[in-house]
Amino acid sequence: RVLHPQLAADVAQVNIDWGNALLNAGKRDEAKTKFQKALDNLTKHVKFSDQAFLNQMQKKLAECN
């Protein structure tokens, strides 16, 4: 499947928001899955991802450990 870069970024943002809600509910494993999916969308479908956005994803994944 091929995603338009903006759509991939939007899907990643939805997964981040969902992951944040799960993290706030104490569901770290489920949140980690959403954050990883967001990171995968960004790195796979967006050629020039915003480095700050990628750093945010790494930070969120670290919070789940």
N, C-alpha and C. Protein backbone atom coordinates (compact mmCIF):
# COMPACT_ATOMS: atom_id res chain seq x y z
N ARG A 1 0.83 -1.19 0.00
CA ARG A 1 0.00 0.00 0.00
C ARG A 1 0.87 1.25 0.00
N VAL A 2 0.38 2.24 -0.66
CA VAL A 2 1.08 3.52 -0.71
C VAL A 2 0.18 4.58 -0.09
N LEU A 3 0.72 5.29 0.88
CA LEU A 3 -0.02 6.38 1.50
C LEU A 3 0.58 7.71 1.06
N HIS A 4 -0.28 8.65 0.80
CA HIS A 4 0.18 10.02 0.55
C HIS A 4 0.88 10.49 1.81
N PRO A 5 2.01 11.19 1.70
CA PRO A 5 2.77 11.60 2.89
C PRO A 5 1.95 12.35 3.94
N GLN A 6 1.06 13.25 3.50
CA GLN A 6 0.25 13.99 4.48
C GLN A 6 -0.72 13.06 5.18
N LEU A 7 -1.30 12.13 4.45
CA LEU A 7 -2.22 11.16 5.05
C LEU A 7 -1.47 10.29 6.05
N ALA A 8 -0.26 9.88 5.70
CA ALA A 8 0.55 9.08 6.63
C ALA A 8 0.84 9.86 7.91
N ALA A 9 1.14 11.15 7.78
CA ALA A 9 1.39 11.98 8.96
C ALA A 9 0.12 12.12 9.79
N ASP A 10 -1.03 12.27 9.13
CA ASP A 10 -2.30 12.38 9.85
C ASP A 10 -2.63 11.08 10.59
N VAL A 11 -2.40 9.95 9.92
CA VAL A 11 -2.63 8.65 10.56
C VAL A 11 -1.69 8.49 11.75
N ALA A 12 -0.46 8.91 11.59
CA ALA A 12 0.50 8.85 12.70
C ALA A 12 0.01 9.69 13.87
N GLN A 13 -0.51 10.88 13.60
CA GLN A 13 -1.00 11.76 14.67
C GLN A 13 -2.18 11.13 15.39
N VAL A 14 -3.06 10.47 14.67
CA VAL A 14 -4.20 9.77 15.30
C VAL A 14 -3.67 8.68 16.23
N ASN A 15 -2.67 7.93 15.78
CA ASN A 15 -2.10 6.88 16.62
C ASN A 15 -1.41 7.47 17.85
N ILE A 16 -0.79 8.63 17.71
CA ILE A 16 -0.17 9.30 18.86
C ILE A 16 -1.23 9.70 19.86
N ASP A 17 -2.30 10.32 19.38
CA ASP A 17 -3.38 10.74 20.28
C ASP A 17 -3.99 9.55 21.00
N TRP A 18 -4.21 8.47 20.26
CA TRP A 18 -4.77 7.24 20.83
C TRP A 18 -3.79 6.67 21.85
N GLY A 19 -2.52 6.64 21.50
CA GLY A 19 -1.49 6.15 22.42
C GLY A 19 -1.42 6.97 23.69
N ASN A 20 -1.54 8.30 23.56
CA ASN A 20 -1.55 9.16 24.75
C ASN A 20 -2.71 8.83 25.67
N ALA A 21 -3.89 8.61 25.09
CA ALA A 21 -5.06 8.25 25.90
C ALA A 21 -4.83 6.92 26.61
N LEU A 22 -4.27 5.95 25.91
CA LEU A 22 -3.98 4.65 26.52
C LEU A 22 -2.93 4.78 27.61
N LEU A 23 -1.91 5.59 27.37
CA LEU A 23 -0.86 5.80 28.37
C LEU A 23 -1.44 6.44 29.62
N ASN A 24 -2.31 7.42 29.44
CA ASN A 24 -2.96 8.08 30.57
C ASN A 24 -3.86 7.13 31.35
N ALA A 25 -4.38 6.11 30.67
CA ALA A 25 -5.22 5.11 31.32
C ALA A 25 -4.39 3.99 31.94
N GLY A 26 -3.06 4.09 31.83
CA GLY A 26 -2.19 3.08 32.43
C GLY A 26 -2.00 1.84 31.58
N LYS A 27 -2.39 1.90 30.32
CA LYS A 27 -2.27 0.75 29.42
C LYS A 27 -1.01 0.90 28.56
N ARG A 28 0.13 0.72 29.20
CA ARG A 28 1.42 0.98 28.55
C ARG A 28 1.68 0.09 27.33
N ASP A 29 1.36 -1.18 27.42
CA ASP A 29 1.63 -2.08 26.29
C ASP A 29 0.82 -1.69 25.06
N GLU A 30 -0.46 -1.34 25.28
CA GLU A 30 -1.30 -0.93 24.16
C GLU A 30 -0.84 0.41 23.60
N ALA A 31 -0.43 1.31 24.49
CA ALA A 31 0.07 2.62 24.05
C ALA A 31 1.34 2.44 23.22
N LYS A 32 2.21 1.56 23.67
CA LYS A 32 3.46 1.32 22.95
C LYS A 32 3.18 0.85 21.53
N THR A 33 2.18 0.01 21.36
CA THR A 33 1.79 -0.47 20.04
C THR A 33 1.36 0.68 19.14
N LYS A 34 0.57 1.59 19.68
CA LYS A 34 0.10 2.74 18.90
C LYS A 34 1.26 3.68 18.54
N PHE A 35 2.15 3.93 19.50
CA PHE A 35 3.29 4.80 19.22
C PHE A 35 4.21 4.17 18.18
N GLN A 36 4.41 2.86 18.27
CA GLN A 36 5.26 2.18 17.29
C GLN A 36 4.63 2.25 15.90
N LYS A 37 3.30 2.09 15.85
CA LYS A 37 2.61 2.17 14.56
C LYS A 37 2.76 3.57 13.97
N ALA A 38 2.67 4.59 14.81
CA ALA A 38 2.85 5.97 14.34
C ALA A 38 4.26 6.16 13.79
N LEU A 39 5.24 5.67 14.51
CA LEU A 39 6.63 5.80 14.06
C LEU A 39 6.85 5.05 12.74
N ASP A 40 6.27 3.87 12.64
CA ASP A 40 6.39 3.10 11.40
C ASP A 40 5.77 3.85 10.22
N ASN A 41 4.58 4.45 10.44
CA ASN A 41 3.94 5.22 9.36
C ASN A 41 4.82 6.37 8.91
N LEU A 42 5.43 7.04 9.86
CA LEU A 42 6.27 8.19 9.51
C LEU A 42 7.52 7.77 8.76
N THR A 43 8.18 6.73 9.23
CA THR A 43 9.45 6.35 8.62
C THR A 43 9.25 5.61 7.30
N LYS A 44 8.13 4.95 7.14
CA LYS A 44 7.90 4.17 5.92
C LYS A 44 7.29 5.01 4.80
N HIS A 45 6.39 5.92 5.13
CA HIS A 45 5.60 6.60 4.11
C HIS A 45 5.94 8.07 3.91
N VAL A 46 6.74 8.64 4.79
CA VAL A 46 7.08 10.06 4.68
C VAL A 46 8.59 10.18 4.50
N LYS A 47 9.02 10.64 3.33
CA LYS A 47 10.45 10.69 3.03
C LYS A 47 11.21 11.65 3.94
N PHE A 48 10.65 12.81 4.17
CA PHE A 48 11.35 13.83 4.95
C PHE A 48 10.54 14.15 6.20
N SER A 49 10.50 13.22 7.12
CA SER A 49 9.76 13.41 8.36
C SER A 49 10.40 14.50 9.20
N ASP A 50 9.58 15.21 9.91
CA ASP A 50 10.05 16.23 10.83
C ASP A 50 10.82 15.54 11.96
N GLN A 51 12.08 15.90 12.13
CA GLN A 51 12.92 15.25 13.14
C GLN A 51 12.35 15.43 14.55
N ALA A 52 11.76 16.59 14.82
CA ALA A 52 11.16 16.82 16.14
C ALA A 52 10.01 15.84 16.38
N PHE A 53 9.24 15.56 15.33
CA PHE A 53 8.13 14.61 15.44
C PHE A 53 8.67 13.21 15.71
N LEU A 54 9.74 12.83 15.02
CA LEU A 54 10.35 11.52 15.25
C LEU A 54 10.92 11.43 16.67
N ASN A 55 11.53 12.50 17.14
CA ASN A 55 12.05 12.52 18.51
C ASN A 55 10.92 12.37 19.53
N GLN A 56 9.79 13.01 19.25
CA GLN A 56 8.62 12.89 20.13
C GLN A 56 8.18 11.42 20.21
N MET A 57 8.20 10.73 19.07
CA MET A 57 7.78 9.33 19.05
C MET A 57 8.74 8.47 19.87
N GLN A 58 10.03 8.73 19.76
CA GLN A 58 11.01 7.98 20.54
C GLN A 58 10.80 8.22 22.04
N LYS A 59 10.49 9.45 22.41
CA LYS A 59 10.23 9.78 23.81
C LYS A 59 8.99 9.06 24.31
N LYS A 60 7.95 9.04 23.50
CA LYS A 60 6.71 8.36 23.89
C LYS A 60 6.95 6.86 24.06
N LEU A 61 7.72 6.27 23.16
CA LEU A 61 8.04 4.84 23.28
C LEU A 61 8.83 4.58 24.56
N ALA A 62 9.73 5.47 24.90
CA ALA A 62 10.52 5.30 26.13
C ALA A 62 9.63 5.39 27.37
N GLU A 63 8.59 6.20 27.32
CA GLU A 63 7.67 6.32 28.45
C GLU A 63 6.91 5.03 28.70
N CYS A 64 6.80 4.20 27.69
CA CYS A 64 6.04 2.95 27.82
C CYS A 64 6.87 1.84 28.45
N ASN A 65 8.15 2.03 28.58
CA ASN A 65 9.01 0.98 29.15
C ASN A 65 9.10 1.10 30.65
